[in-house]
Amino acid sequence: MTAIEWSTLPFGYMKTNYNVRAYFREGEWSKLEISDSEYIPIHMAATALHYGQQAFEGLKAYMGKDGKIRLFRWEENAKRMQDSANGILMAVPPMELFKDAIVTAVKLNKEFVPPYGTGASLYIRPLLIGNGPRVGVKPADEYMLLVFVSPVGPYFKEGFNPVSIQIAHDSDRAAPLGTGRYKVGGNYAASLMAGERAHKEGFASALFLDAREKKYIDEAGPANFFAIKGKTYITPLSESILPSITNKSLMTLAEDMGLTVERRKIPVEELAEFDEVGACGTAAVISPIRRIVDPATGEEFFYCKDGKAGEVSTQLYKKLLGIQYGDEPDTHGWITFVE
């Protein structure tokens, strides 16, 4: 294994030793198979390729200073994959199969879990695809669950330093009654155009509005949006937003800190009233936002005095990371150890 510069890792793919796979055929799931290949055989008429029957998850393994590897709230990822599978009519992976797959993948690639203190972690990517052939638009009869891992650094290159984002008016990530609440590839494909434009114009991400009225904040590209207003933690309520496990955890921690939590529609105009804003998700954890630009009106909203993340966002970030790495007590039972 080539020496890895753990502290300078990007958020990207790196080949590791093994991945694990299970197959759904004739109405039941197979036992796990271990592979050292980065490639999968797939039928040219597989529903994943033609009709978007695929879902994925993202979670991380963390090395504590005690030398123990921790998983964070894997049950929530398993439930969300089950919701996604039900939402687009795929075979549903049982909880124990999901757990066995991710734990096995981590154990087989233990040498790729970044050391404590490097700021890096082991990203775990479970992928569910329809690999049964279909030419007509209908669900497949065969599916594959695959889990691979990769050591990663922060999702946004700025890390926990504040970023700028751009509101997207001419692009929708998901329809109100579509697949936005599921973690499926189509939602991310729909976000690419606005996201790449934002990057080219110097922004870290695009901020999407609701698809129905274009009046309310929806999602920040690859992450949920949240704001701090006085003693209140506010995050959008929408039928087209992916339910972020990180956001759910931050809401609990915010309440622990004495904040009121509100999940509600957030009009664009309210951006001028917030003390702090940020994007949150497994990949980014928290990415504080210093500036939001609305290209339609020319308005700019500024946060992060002196170029630093806000006090509440910083406290939440440190608390969540502390739990994930084992530096803070796990009072909510979120951690599972990989023995």
Foldseek 3Di string as FASTA:
>chain_A
DDDDLQLQFAADADQFQWKKKWKQAPHDIDAIDIDRDPDDDFDPQFCCVPPQAKFKFKWWWAQAPVRFIKTFQVVVRLVLQQVQCVQQVHDRDDPVRSVVRQLVQCVRRVVQADHPPSQKTKMKMWMKGGRAGDPDPDGHNMMMIMIHIHIHHANQSVAQFAWEEEEDDPFDLAAQPGCLQHRTPSSLVRQVVVQVVRVVVRGRFYFYAHPPPSFFTAATRPFFKWFAAPQEIEGEDGSRHHPAPLVVVLCVVSVVVVGHYYHYTHTPVCLQRTAWMWTDHNRNSTHTHAWYAYVVVRDIHGYDPPRHHDPSSVVSSCQVVCVSNVNDDPPPPGIDISD
